[in-house]
Protein backbone atom coordinates (compact mmCIF):
# COMPACT_ATOMS: atom_id res chain seq x y z
CA MET A 1 -44.16 0.11 9.13
CA ARG A 2 -40.41 -0.61 8.99
CA ILE A 3 -38.88 -3.54 7.08
CA ALA A 4 -35.22 -4.51 7.45
CA VAL A 5 -33.39 -5.59 4.28
CA GLY A 6 -30.10 -7.48 3.95
CA GLN A 7 -28.07 -9.72 1.65
CA LEU A 8 -25.48 -12.49 2.07
CA TRP A 9 -24.76 -14.06 -1.30
CA GLN A 10 -21.95 -16.31 -2.49
CA GLU A 11 -21.99 -19.81 -3.94
CA THR A 12 -19.35 -22.01 -2.33
CA ASN A 13 -17.39 -24.72 -4.12
CA THR A 14 -15.79 -26.72 -1.30
CA PHE A 15 -13.45 -28.44 -3.79
CA ASN A 16 -11.83 -25.08 -4.51
CA PRO A 17 -9.00 -24.99 -1.93
CA THR A 18 -8.64 -21.19 -1.99
CA VAL A 19 -10.75 -19.46 0.65
CA THR A 20 -12.95 -16.43 0.13
CA THR A 21 -11.72 -13.53 2.25
CA LEU A 22 -13.26 -10.33 3.55
CA ALA A 23 -11.27 -8.49 0.87
CA ASP A 24 -13.14 -10.51 -1.78
CA PHE A 25 -16.47 -9.32 -0.40
CA GLU A 26 -15.17 -5.75 -0.15
CA ASN A 27 -14.10 -5.93 -3.79
CA TRP A 28 -17.71 -6.60 -4.79
CA GLY A 29 -19.13 -4.07 -2.36
CA VAL A 30 -19.85 -4.40 1.35
CA ALA A 31 -22.53 -2.00 2.58
CA THR A 32 -24.33 -1.32 5.84
CA GLY A 33 -27.25 0.79 6.96
CA SER A 34 -28.63 3.25 4.44
CA ASP A 35 -25.83 2.41 1.97
CA VAL A 36 -27.35 -1.03 1.36
CA LEU A 37 -30.21 0.45 -0.65
CA ARG A 38 -28.53 3.69 -1.68
CA LYS A 39 -25.75 1.81 -3.46
CA PHE A 40 -27.41 -1.49 -4.36
CA GLY A 41 -31.15 -0.83 -4.18
CA GLU A 42 -31.61 -1.50 -7.90
CA ALA A 43 -29.48 -4.65 -8.10
CA GLY A 44 -30.89 -8.18 -8.19
CA GLU A 45 -33.08 -9.34 -5.34
CA LEU A 46 -32.56 -6.10 -3.42
CA GLY A 47 -34.09 -4.20 -6.32
CA GLY A 48 -36.98 -6.65 -6.26
CA PHE A 49 -37.49 -6.10 -2.54
CA VAL A 50 -37.73 -2.34 -3.11
CA SER A 51 -40.12 -2.70 -6.05
CA GLY A 52 -42.24 -5.35 -4.35
CA THR A 53 -42.80 -3.37 -1.17
CA ARG A 54 -44.07 -0.45 -3.23
CA GLU A 55 -47.05 -2.65 -4.12
CA TRP A 56 -48.19 -2.80 -0.50
CA ASN A 57 -51.29 -0.92 0.61
CA SER A 58 -49.04 1.10 2.90
CA PRO A 59 -45.52 0.97 1.46
CA PRO A 60 -43.13 0.47 4.37
CA GLU A 61 -39.96 2.28 5.27
CA LEU A 62 -37.01 0.10 4.24
CA VAL A 63 -34.09 -0.11 6.64
CA GLY A 64 -30.76 -1.45 5.41
CA LEU A 65 -28.97 -4.06 7.51
CA ALA A 66 -25.89 -5.29 5.63
CA ARG A 67 -24.92 -6.42 2.16
CA PHE A 68 -22.15 -8.97 1.58
CA LEU A 69 -21.90 -10.29 -1.97
CA CYS A 70 -19.05 -12.12 -3.66
CA TRP A 71 -18.62 -14.16 -6.82
CA PRO A 72 -18.70 -17.98 -6.33
CA PHE A 73 -15.43 -19.34 -4.96
CA GLY A 74 -14.04 -21.46 -2.12
CA ARG A 75 -15.14 -21.55 1.52
CA VAL A 76 -15.48 -18.24 3.34
CA ASP A 77 -12.64 -17.92 5.84
CA ARG A 78 -13.28 -17.68 9.58
CA LYS A 79 -12.39 -14.00 9.82
CA ALA A 80 -14.80 -12.97 7.07
CA TRP A 81 -17.62 -15.08 8.52
CA LYS A 82 -17.06 -13.53 11.94
CA VAL A 83 -17.23 -10.04 10.44
CA VAL A 84 -20.46 -10.93 8.61
CA GLN A 85 -22.10 -12.05 11.84
CA GLU A 86 -20.90 -9.07 13.84
CA THR A 87 -21.97 -6.64 11.13
CA PHE A 88 -25.50 -8.04 10.90
CA LEU A 89 -25.89 -8.06 14.69
CA LYS A 90 -24.74 -4.43 14.94
CA SER A 91 -26.99 -3.39 12.04
CA ILE A 92 -30.05 -5.02 13.59
CA ASP A 93 -29.34 -3.26 16.86
CA GLU A 94 -28.94 0.10 15.10
CA ALA A 95 -32.08 -0.44 13.00
CA GLY A 96 -34.36 -0.13 16.03
CA ALA A 97 -37.93 -1.39 15.94
CA ILE A 98 -38.78 -3.37 12.80
CA ASP A 99 -41.92 -5.15 11.62
CA GLY A 100 -40.35 -7.68 9.25
CA VAL A 101 -37.15 -8.82 7.54
CA LEU A 102 -36.31 -9.52 3.90
CA LEU A 103 -33.06 -11.38 3.28
CA SER A 104 -31.38 -12.20 -0.02
CA LEU A 105 -29.40 -15.41 0.47
CA HIS A 106 -27.82 -17.97 -1.81
CA GLY A 107 -28.43 -21.13 0.20
CA ALA A 108 -25.31 -23.07 -0.86
CA MET A 109 -22.72 -21.17 1.12
CA ALA A 110 -20.13 -22.60 3.51
CA ALA A 111 -17.34 -21.25 5.68
CA GLU A 112 -14.43 -22.67 7.59
CA GLY A 113 -16.13 -24.37 10.52
CA GLU A 114 -19.69 -23.72 9.29
CA ASP A 115 -21.24 -25.67 6.41
CA ASP A 116 -24.56 -23.80 6.33
CA LEU A 117 -24.00 -20.04 6.36
CA SER A 118 -27.49 -19.23 5.12
CA GLY A 119 -29.09 -21.27 7.88
CA ALA A 120 -26.68 -19.88 10.47
CA LEU A 121 -27.44 -16.27 9.51
CA LEU A 122 -31.19 -16.92 9.57
CA GLN A 123 -30.81 -18.48 13.01
CA LEU A 124 -28.73 -15.53 14.22
CA ILE A 125 -31.28 -12.98 13.05
CA ARG A 126 -34.17 -14.99 14.42
CA SER A 127 -32.49 -15.14 17.83
CA VAL A 128 -32.51 -11.33 17.89
CA ILE A 129 -35.91 -10.46 16.40
CA GLY A 130 -37.80 -13.28 18.11
CA PRO A 131 -40.41 -15.71 16.78
CA GLU A 132 -43.18 -13.21 16.02
CA ILE A 133 -41.51 -10.87 13.53
CA PRO A 134 -41.89 -12.29 9.99
CA LEU A 135 -38.67 -13.30 8.24
CA VAL A 136 -38.71 -14.03 4.50
CA ALA A 137 -35.65 -15.17 2.54
CA SER A 138 -34.95 -15.47 -1.18
CA LEU A 139 -32.72 -18.30 -2.38
CA ASP A 140 -30.81 -19.31 -5.47
CA LEU A 141 -32.27 -22.17 -7.47
CA HIS A 142 -29.15 -24.18 -6.52
CA ALA A 143 -29.53 -23.68 -2.79
CA ASN A 144 -28.91 -26.62 -0.49
CA VAL A 145 -31.98 -26.17 1.67
CA THR A 146 -31.34 -27.49 5.19
CA ARG A 147 -33.66 -28.19 8.10
CA ARG A 148 -32.31 -25.06 9.76
CA ILE A 149 -33.11 -22.85 6.78
CA ILE A 150 -36.68 -24.16 6.68
CA ALA A 151 -37.12 -23.79 10.44
CA GLU A 152 -35.85 -20.23 10.78
CA ALA A 153 -37.49 -18.56 7.75
CA ASP A 154 -41.25 -18.07 7.61
CA ILE A 155 -41.24 -18.22 3.81
CA LEU A 156 -38.56 -19.26 1.31
CA VAL A 157 -38.75 -17.85 -2.21
CA GLY A 158 -36.45 -19.33 -4.86
CA TYR A 159 -35.43 -18.49 -8.40
CA HIS A 160 -37.57 -20.17 -11.05
CA THR A 161 -35.07 -19.87 -13.90
CA GLN A 162 -31.78 -21.46 -14.93
CA PRO A 163 -29.92 -19.62 -16.38
CA HIS A 164 -30.79 -17.27 -13.51
CA LEU A 165 -32.67 -14.41 -15.14
CA ASP A 166 -35.21 -13.71 -12.41
CA GLN A 167 -33.29 -12.39 -9.40
CA PHE A 168 -35.28 -9.15 -9.47
CA GLU A 169 -38.59 -10.97 -9.89
CA THR A 170 -37.67 -13.31 -7.03
CA GLY A 171 -37.15 -10.27 -4.82
CA VAL A 172 -40.59 -8.97 -5.82
CA ARG A 173 -42.16 -12.34 -4.96
CA ALA A 174 -40.40 -12.36 -1.59
CA ALA A 175 -41.75 -8.90 -0.79
CA ARG A 176 -45.24 -10.08 -1.70
CA GLY A 177 -44.80 -13.05 0.60
CA LEU A 178 -43.85 -10.76 3.47
CA ARG A 179 -46.84 -8.54 2.70
CA SER A 180 -49.13 -11.55 3.04
CA LEU A 181 -47.77 -12.13 6.54
CA ILE A 182 -47.97 -8.50 7.67
CA GLU A 183 -50.82 -6.77 5.85
CA LEU A 184 -53.01 -9.80 5.27
CA ARG A 185 -52.01 -11.47 8.56
CA GLN A 186 -51.67 -14.88 6.94
CA ARG A 187 -49.60 -17.56 8.64
CA PRO A 188 -47.54 -19.90 6.48
CA ILE A 189 -47.77 -23.66 6.60
CA LYS A 190 -44.65 -25.42 5.35
CA TYR A 191 -44.43 -28.56 3.25
CA PHE A 192 -41.09 -29.87 2.07
CA ARG A 193 -39.19 -32.89 0.81
CA LYS A 194 -35.47 -33.62 0.57
CA LEU A 195 -34.25 -35.98 -2.16
CA PRO A 196 -30.96 -37.93 -2.00
CA MET A 197 -29.79 -36.81 -5.43
CA MET A 198 -27.47 -34.34 -7.09
CA THR A 199 -26.91 -33.73 -10.76
CA ALA A 200 -24.46 -31.79 -12.91
CA ALA A 201 -25.61 -28.40 -14.07
CA GLU A 202 -25.45 -28.73 -17.88
CA THR A 203 -29.04 -30.00 -18.16
CA HIS A 204 -30.60 -27.76 -15.50
CA SER A 205 -32.09 -25.30 -17.98
CA THR A 206 -35.62 -24.38 -16.96
CA PHE A 207 -36.35 -23.17 -20.50
CA THR A 208 -35.36 -26.17 -22.62
CA GLY A 209 -34.02 -28.83 -20.23
CA PRO A 210 -35.71 -31.80 -18.53
CA PRO A 211 -36.80 -29.73 -15.46
CA THR A 212 -38.76 -27.23 -17.60
CA PRO A 213 -42.26 -28.70 -16.95
CA LEU A 214 -41.62 -28.79 -13.20
CA TYR A 215 -40.73 -25.12 -13.03
CA ARG A 216 -43.75 -24.19 -15.12
CA ARG A 217 -45.78 -26.11 -12.59
CA LEU A 218 -44.29 -24.04 -9.76
CA VAL A 219 -45.26 -20.83 -11.53
CA GLU A 220 -48.81 -22.10 -11.97
CA LEU A 221 -48.97 -23.11 -8.32
CA GLU A 222 -48.01 -19.66 -7.15
CA ARG A 223 -51.02 -18.26 -9.01
CA GLU A 224 -53.28 -20.13 -6.58
CA PRO A 225 -54.52 -17.81 -3.80
CA GLU A 226 -53.61 -20.27 -1.04
CA VAL A 227 -49.99 -20.68 -2.19
CA LEU A 228 -47.43 -18.23 -0.83
CA SER A 229 -44.39 -19.80 -2.46
CA ALA A 230 -43.41 -22.93 -4.41
CA GLY A 231 -39.76 -23.88 -4.82
CA LEU A 232 -37.58 -26.53 -6.40
CA TYR A 233 -33.90 -26.34 -5.51
CA MET A 234 -31.62 -28.45 -7.72
CA VAL A 235 -28.65 -27.94 -5.37
CA MET A 236 -25.09 -26.83 -5.99
CA PRO A 237 -23.44 -30.29 -6.29
CA TRP A 238 -19.85 -29.19 -5.51
CA LEU A 239 -20.74 -28.61 -1.88
CA ASP A 240 -19.34 -31.42 0.27
CA CYS A 241 -21.68 -30.84 3.23
CA LYS A 242 -24.43 -32.55 5.18
CA GLU A 243 -28.00 -32.64 3.82
CA LEU A 244 -26.78 -32.24 0.24
CA GLY A 245 -29.63 -32.96 -2.16
CA TRP A 246 -32.54 -31.58 -4.14
CA THR A 247 -35.34 -29.97 -2.13
CA ILE A 248 -38.99 -29.19 -2.85
CA THR A 249 -40.69 -26.56 -0.69
CA LEU A 250 -44.27 -25.33 -0.58
CA HIS A 251 -45.64 -22.56 1.65
CA THR A 252 -49.41 -22.25 1.85
CA THR A 253 -52.04 -20.49 3.95
CA THR A 254 -54.07 -23.65 4.51
CA ALA A 255 -53.38 -27.11 5.87
CA HIS A 256 -54.58 -29.75 3.45
CA GLU A 257 -53.53 -33.23 2.44
CA ARG A 258 -53.60 -32.04 -1.15
CA TRP A 259 -50.45 -29.97 -0.57
CA ARG A 260 -48.58 -32.88 0.96
CA ASP A 261 -49.55 -35.09 -1.97
CA LEU A 262 -48.53 -32.41 -4.43
CA VAL A 263 -45.04 -32.11 -2.94
CA ALA A 264 -44.72 -35.91 -3.03
CA ASP A 265 -45.78 -35.92 -6.68
CA ILE A 266 -43.21 -33.27 -7.63
CA ALA A 267 -40.54 -35.21 -5.71
CA GLU A 268 -41.36 -38.36 -7.65
CA SER A 269 -41.13 -36.46 -10.95
CA CYS A 270 -37.72 -35.10 -9.93
CA TRP A 271 -36.46 -38.58 -9.07
CA GLU A 272 -37.61 -39.92 -12.42
CA LEU A 273 -35.58 -37.24 -14.24
CA ARG A 274 -32.24 -38.62 -13.04
CA GLY A 275 -31.46 -40.41 -16.29
CA ALA A 276 -32.42 -37.51 -18.55
CA LEU A 277 -30.43 -35.06 -16.43
CA SER A 278 -27.35 -37.25 -16.74
CA ASP A 279 -27.59 -37.58 -20.53
CA VAL A 280 -24.94 -35.04 -21.48
CA GLU A 281 -22.58 -35.13 -24.46
CA ARG A 282 -19.14 -34.02 -23.31
CA HIS A 283 -15.78 -34.07 -25.08
CA ASN A 284 -12.26 -34.02 -23.68
CA ALA A 285 -10.02 -31.06 -24.47
CA SER A 286 -8.56 -32.37 -27.73
CA GLN A 287 -11.94 -33.65 -28.94
CA VAL A 288 -13.86 -30.47 -28.19
CA VAL A 289 -11.30 -28.26 -29.94
CA ALA A 290 -11.18 -30.59 -32.96
CA LYS A 291 -14.98 -30.66 -33.11
CA SER A 292 -15.12 -26.86 -32.95
CA LEU A 293 -12.58 -26.46 -35.75
CA ALA A 294 -14.34 -29.03 -37.92
CA HIS A 295 -17.75 -27.38 -37.58
CA GLY A 296 -17.10 -24.68 -40.15
CA GLY A 297 -19.32 -22.05 -38.56
CA HIS A 298 -18.42 -19.28 -36.16
CA PRO A 299 -18.31 -18.49 -33.41
CA ILE A 300 -18.26 -21.82 -31.59
CA VAL A 301 -18.62 -21.58 -27.82
CA ILE A 302 -16.85 -24.18 -25.70
CA ALA A 303 -18.29 -24.49 -22.21
CA ASP A 304 -15.56 -25.38 -19.72
CA GLY A 305 -17.87 -26.28 -16.86
CA ALA A 306 -15.17 -27.98 -14.77
CA ASP A 307 -13.37 -24.64 -14.42
CA ALA A 308 -16.57 -22.60 -14.27
CA THR A 309 -16.11 -19.44 -12.26
CA ASN A 310 -19.92 -19.36 -12.06
CA SER A 311 -19.70 -22.66 -10.12
CA GLY A 312 -16.97 -21.51 -7.76
CA ALA A 313 -14.01 -23.03 -9.59
CA PRO A 314 -10.82 -20.91 -9.62
CA GLY A 315 -10.86 -20.12 -13.34
CA ASP A 316 -7.16 -20.91 -13.83
CA SER A 317 -7.22 -24.39 -15.38
CA THR A 318 -4.71 -24.82 -18.20
CA VAL A 319 -6.17 -28.00 -19.72
CA LEU A 320 -8.22 -26.36 -22.46
CA LEU A 321 -5.78 -23.48 -22.91
CA ARG A 322 -2.97 -25.94 -23.64
CA GLU A 323 -5.02 -27.58 -26.38
CA LEU A 324 -5.90 -24.25 -27.98
CA LEU A 325 -2.28 -23.08 -28.00
CA GLU A 326 -1.14 -26.30 -29.65
CA GLN A 327 -3.29 -25.66 -32.74
CA GLN A 328 -1.35 -24.56 -35.80
CA SER A 329 -4.25 -22.44 -36.96
CA ILE A 330 -7.58 -21.32 -35.55
CA PRO A 331 -9.55 -19.43 -38.21
CA ARG A 332 -10.76 -16.10 -36.78
CA GLY A 333 -8.88 -16.88 -33.58
CA ALA A 334 -9.90 -18.08 -30.13
CA LEU A 335 -10.79 -16.20 -26.95
CA THR A 336 -10.43 -17.48 -23.41
CA PHE A 337 -9.87 -16.01 -19.98
CA HIS A 338 -7.82 -16.90 -16.91
CA VAL A 339 -7.84 -15.75 -13.32
CA ASP A 340 -4.14 -15.17 -12.63
CA PRO A 341 -3.04 -12.02 -10.77
CA GLU A 342 0.63 -12.88 -11.30
CA ALA A 343 0.12 -12.93 -15.06
CA VAL A 344 -1.62 -9.55 -14.87
CA ALA A 345 1.29 -8.11 -12.89
CA TYR A 346 3.81 -9.50 -15.40
CA ALA A 347 1.86 -8.08 -18.35
CA THR A 348 1.51 -4.72 -16.63
CA GLN A 349 5.24 -4.51 -16.10
CA ALA A 350 5.90 -5.54 -19.72
CA GLY A 351 3.48 -2.88 -20.98
CA ILE A 352 1.35 -2.77 -24.12
CA GLY A 353 3.34 -4.24 -26.99
CA GLY A 354 5.74 -5.90 -24.60
CA ALA A 355 6.75 -9.54 -24.67
CA PHE A 356 4.92 -11.96 -22.40
CA ASP A 357 6.68 -15.16 -21.34
CA MET A 358 5.73 -16.93 -18.11
CA PHE A 359 4.03 -19.97 -16.66
CA VAL A 360 0.36 -19.23 -16.06
CA GLY A 361 -2.53 -20.96 -14.31
CA GLY A 362 -2.58 -24.22 -12.39
CA LYS A 363 -1.85 -22.41 -9.14
CA LEU A 364 -5.20 -22.18 -7.33
CA ALA A 365 -6.19 -25.84 -7.72
CA PRO A 366 -2.94 -27.60 -8.69
CA GLU A 367 -4.43 -31.09 -8.38
CA PHE A 368 -6.47 -30.46 -11.54
CA SER A 369 -3.97 -28.77 -13.89
CA GLU A 370 -0.34 -27.68 -14.13
CA PRO A 371 1.12 -24.25 -14.89
CA LEU A 372 1.54 -23.71 -18.62
CA ARG A 373 4.17 -21.60 -20.35
CA VAL A 374 2.57 -18.90 -22.48
CA ARG A 375 4.62 -16.75 -24.84
CA GLY A 376 3.05 -13.86 -26.67
CA THR A 377 2.46 -10.11 -26.77
CA VAL A 378 0.62 -7.85 -24.37
CA GLU A 379 -2.12 -6.19 -26.41
CA ARG A 380 -4.22 -4.38 -23.79
CA LEU A 381 -4.19 -3.40 -20.13
CA LEU A 382 -7.38 -2.38 -18.39
CA GLU A 383 -9.57 -2.43 -15.30
CA MET A 384 -12.10 -5.25 -15.70
CA GLN A 385 -15.26 -3.43 -14.63
CA PHE A 386 -18.73 -3.65 -16.13
CA GLU A 387 -22.37 -3.92 -15.15
CA LEU A 388 -23.90 -7.37 -15.46
CA ASN A 389 -27.46 -7.57 -16.77
CA GLY A 390 -28.60 -11.06 -17.63
CA ALA A 391 -27.70 -14.46 -16.23
CA LEU A 392 -26.69 -14.11 -12.56
CA GLY A 393 -27.09 -10.37 -12.46
CA ARG A 394 -29.29 -7.33 -12.82
CA LYS A 395 -27.54 -3.98 -12.52
CA LEU A 396 -24.77 -5.85 -10.72
CA PRO A 397 -21.44 -3.98 -10.59
CA VAL A 398 -18.67 -6.41 -11.60
CA GLN A 399 -15.18 -5.77 -10.25
CA MET A 400 -12.51 -8.23 -11.43
CA GLY A 401 -9.50 -6.01 -10.74
CA ARG A 402 -6.81 -5.30 -13.28
CA ALA A 403 -6.74 -7.27 -16.50
CA ALA A 404 -4.46 -7.89 -19.45
CA VAL A 405 -5.05 -9.23 -22.95
CA VAL A 406 -2.20 -11.40 -24.20
CA ARG A 407 -2.07 -12.66 -27.77
CA SER A 408 -0.26 -15.97 -28.38
CA GLY A 409 -0.58 -17.19 -31.96
CA ASP A 410 -4.29 -17.33 -32.77
CA VAL A 411 -5.32 -17.30 -29.10
CA SER A 412 -6.19 -14.19 -27.11
CA VAL A 413 -6.16 -14.72 -23.34
CA VAL A 414 -7.82 -12.28 -20.96
CA PHE A 415 -6.01 -12.50 -17.65
CA THR A 416 -7.81 -11.03 -14.64
CA GLU A 417 -6.79 -10.51 -11.02
CA LYS A 418 -10.09 -11.74 -9.62
CA SER A 419 -12.87 -14.13 -10.53
CA GLY A 420 -16.10 -13.08 -12.20
CA PRO A 421 -18.87 -14.08 -14.62
CA GLY A 422 -17.37 -16.66 -16.95
CA SER A 423 -20.74 -16.95 -18.66
CA SER A 424 -20.87 -13.44 -20.08
CA PRO A 425 -19.50 -12.17 -23.40
CA LEU A 426 -19.28 -8.78 -21.68
CA LEU A 427 -16.02 -9.96 -20.15
CA TYR A 428 -14.42 -10.15 -23.59
CA GLU A 429 -16.16 -7.06 -24.93
CA THR A 430 -14.93 -5.00 -21.99
CA ALA A 431 -11.41 -6.13 -22.92
CA GLY A 432 -11.91 -4.82 -26.46
CA LEU A 433 -12.40 -8.24 -28.03
CA GLU A 434 -15.22 -9.42 -30.31
CA PRO A 435 -16.71 -12.77 -29.25
CA ARG A 436 -19.28 -12.53 -32.05
CA GLU A 437 -16.55 -12.45 -34.69
CA CYS A 438 -14.06 -15.04 -33.42
CA GLY A 439 -13.75 -18.70 -34.33
CA ILE A 440 -13.83 -20.19 -30.83
CA VAL A 441 -14.81 -18.54 -27.55
CA VAL A 442 -14.48 -20.23 -24.16
CA ALA A 443 -17.20 -19.73 -21.55
CA LYS A 444 -16.30 -20.89 -18.05
CA SER A 445 -19.85 -21.92 -17.28
CA PRO A 446 -21.86 -25.16 -17.56
CA THR A 447 -25.27 -23.65 -18.36
CA ALA A 448 -25.65 -19.92 -17.74
CA PHE A 449 -23.62 -19.06 -20.85
CA ARG A 450 -26.55 -20.15 -23.01
CA ALA A 451 -28.61 -17.11 -22.06
CA GLU A 452 -26.18 -14.68 -23.69
CA TYR A 453 -24.21 -16.78 -26.17
CA GLU A 454 -26.82 -18.92 -27.88
CA PRO A 455 -28.48 -15.99 -29.70
CA PHE A 456 -25.34 -15.51 -31.82
CA VAL A 457 -23.13 -18.64 -31.78
CA ALA A 458 -23.09 -21.26 -34.52
CA ALA A 459 -22.83 -24.12 -32.04
CA ALA A 460 -22.06 -24.88 -28.40
CA PHE A 461 -19.98 -27.83 -27.20
CA ILE A 462 -19.35 -28.97 -23.64
CA ALA A 463 -15.80 -29.74 -22.59
CA ASP A 464 -14.97 -32.66 -20.31
CA CYS A 465 -11.91 -31.50 -18.41
CA PRO A 466 -10.72 -31.96 -14.84
CA GLY A 467 -11.50 -29.20 -12.37
CA CYS A 468 -13.18 -28.20 -9.12
CA ALA A 469 -16.59 -28.22 -10.83
CA THR A 470 -16.19 -31.38 -12.87
CA PRO A 471 -19.36 -33.44 -13.44
CA ASN A 472 -17.23 -36.58 -13.28
CA TRP A 473 -17.90 -37.43 -9.66
CA SER A 474 -15.20 -40.12 -9.54
CA TRP A 475 -12.60 -37.35 -9.91
CA LEU A 476 -13.77 -35.79 -6.63
CA THR A 477 -13.74 -37.11 -3.07
CA PHE A 478 -16.88 -36.43 -1.07
CA ARG A 479 -16.25 -36.89 2.64
CA ASN A 480 -19.08 -35.09 4.44
CA VAL A 481 -22.31 -35.72 2.53
CA ASN A 482 -25.03 -37.94 3.93
CA GLU A 483 -25.16 -41.35 2.28
CA PRO A 484 -26.61 -42.84 0.25
CA LEU A 485 -26.62 -40.02 -2.27
CA TRP A 486 -27.27 -40.65 -5.95
CA PRO A 487 -25.20 -40.95 -8.12
CA LEU A 488 -22.34 -41.45 -5.64
CA GLN A 489 -24.21 -44.56 -4.54
CA ASP A 490 -26.61 -46.49 -6.75
CA ILE A 491 -30.03 -46.40 -5.09
CA ASP A 492 -33.40 -47.27 -6.56
CA ALA A 493 -35.73 -45.13 -4.44
CA PRO A 494 -35.45 -42.04 -2.19
CA GLU A 495 -36.84 -44.06 0.72
CA GLN A 496 -33.54 -45.95 0.84
CA ALA A 497 -31.94 -42.78 2.19
CA GLU A 498 -33.11 -42.71 5.79
CA TRP A 499 -31.37 -39.39 6.38
CA CYS A 500 -33.78 -37.54 4.06
CA TRP A 501 -36.79 -35.66 5.35
């Protein structure tokens, strides 16, 4: 028994004008053949695939195809997408005879000229292996599930947690799904529903947010012997592409009206949550800093979701940084980070202890913020490398290139060459800073930061700033989505959207 394993994972923010290149994937680790599992066989969904297949009656031989992973950013450029396709095709050819395929995908990934990379890759692989070989794919909870994705994969298995803490477990569940098709010879029956709605991510928590009961219901469903997989995908909303919307999927071994009714019931519950999901307290830059200073406790985490690197924004907005630098005093200081390779180069040339004086940020998405002059002292130079274990990662090697810590008044800025997990305090700790001891710490994340920050912060406030991942939809121009789509258009019932399925 031989099972092919591969991964294509990146979350695309189409409002980020800077493309994702092949070099970006290579920075995070491209692998083919045996290197896929030798280098990354313990990380995330791939680790789950390995563990899950060991539960089979006859554990199969795992054959690596290709692994392309990159942190969320702008569209994948044409060259990189072409290389991805060619690499997977070559790897499948070199793999020889296989009995099944396990793929780790994101599901909300777009390239120049292709809005549905996950569906396109599934279609490509299906065209090679044929209709009889089982193909199971794992997806992020924020996948934009398209008709093509549903058609090409035999089973879809999605995360059940936000913040995403179950990548490994999702891989295990996917491997179990494939086992049901191969060892138990079960054939999946698919039920699904697309909803014409998108919502900002701040209230997507599956632990304490409005969707919590729905995700508990999915877990209970998957305990039923006839259910192979149950998924609810709350969609990455900064993806200006066709078929954008929430999706409910159910894969079973039996055909029964009960399953169709159940999917309809979950869809109705999702639709009814629109108001609660939109009930978010946000504060503009001056308000959120003033509120943090007035709180009296420490540390206070400010979530800058609009510039969230976890949501594919560039991470170089100066809106909140400007407000922090204008404060006469910030007790215990403030920590923030910026993606700005030019600032890193300047700091490196100045050296530790050297003067820093340049305009930073506002370069990657200039329509949302302007470059800001920062004057201070270079305190540290380092390589920003660490292993992410927690939200969005399990044994995931993080490579953000060179970094520099610049102190300006009471504000310490970590400048990095490349994007990375804005939700993790590890970013600051790797730079020799203490997020647990500071007055204010900025997390460039709308929700995932809660998994690692809430255990030790005094309070968390959500900033309302412009940016590529702003929840203020009027600040963005959607040109390609199907309409009507709530809340871009005010509709009373999903049935008003004839494009849905």
